[in-house]
Amino acid sequence: MTVVACTFGAPAASGETEELLTVARKLSASRETALRWLVAGPAPRPQLEELATAYGITTIDHIDDPELEAVAPDASVEALAQYCASRPPATLLLSQTFDTRLVAPRLAGRLNATVMMNALDLEVAGDALLVTASAYGGDTRAVYELPGDRPHVIAIMPNATTPEPPPDAAAGAAPVIEDVAVDLSAVEERIRLVERNAEEGPRLEDAQIIVSGGRGLGSAGNFALVEELAEALGGLAAASRPIVDDGWADSARQIGLTGKIARPALYIAAGISGASQHMAGCAAAKTIVAINSDPDAPIFRYARYGVVGDCVELLGELTRALR
């Protein structure tokens, strides 16, 4: 009945690895079962040891295969399937990213396991596992009961939890790192990544203040008003999917179900209707401020503060007032 937290390569600078280890440690403690951290791909061992010690992880299984240097779906599924065949887990947890969306369902199929995506919280109920997950495009939350008679593959949403080292982590012993051999010689990737969008600078996922613009801006040139207000507030500019699709903003700025998931202290939505797909990316914000000319826009159901008006006029006025 082992709980396995699986990550790929070196720990992410964004804190996703720490979030995953926190969830895995709490689950293993609730089930009073062993916890292992599986690292698939090359990673610096001193960094792994430091993080494992800080988060109370005593055993690291390392698949240091060059085929996993970049997260390749076919190779990753095969490597994890071979690992699970030799060391069957009761629950395998992954951080939900673009890459793991491709890996988790296929791995579950290979293992005849249940699979849960968009997970936000886990709770043990007897032999079953209760998983709270985002549902209907983020419009609501649902609780699923997973039976204890088969393994589970669960993808944890980013920013679903706060990294929390155990109180006695400083006294933890150095972890044992075990090398795990897999045979990937017969794997041939069916999809080749030609180019990955490079992101530079601060990440939306880490921002405490976000100003986001939508179709209500009227034209591509008005997205500059979003950027100016974000700068004046010391935050980051973001966008809804429609204006990203129209080329008004870069895809790295997209908030929503198919974009970035953020939990800022302040989220200002300017000219955004509030569709469930967009709210999946920002509903966890502590305070949402909505600016929309339509008083019946769905965004006002989520907002703590709402302003009915032309966002183009109001963004400029807000920026001038702040400056």
Foldseek 3Di string as FASTA:
>chain_A
DEEEEEDEEEDDPLCLSLVSLQQSVVVCVQVVHHYEYEYEEYYDPVRVQVSCLQAVHAEYEYAHDHVRNDLFQQLVLQVVLVVCVVVPHQEYEYADDPSVVSRQVVNCVSQVAAEEEQFQHWDDDPLWIWTWGQDDFNPDIDIDIGGSPGHYYYHHYPPSDDRDHDPCSVVGDGHDYHYDYDDCPPDDRPDDDPDDDDDDDDAQQPWQEEEEEECLLPDLVLLVLRQLLCVLVVTHYAYDVVVCVVVSDPQSRYFFQPHAAHAHQEYEYEQDLCPSRRCSRYLNHNAYEYEEQDPPRPVVVSHPHYHRDRSSVVSVVSSVVSD
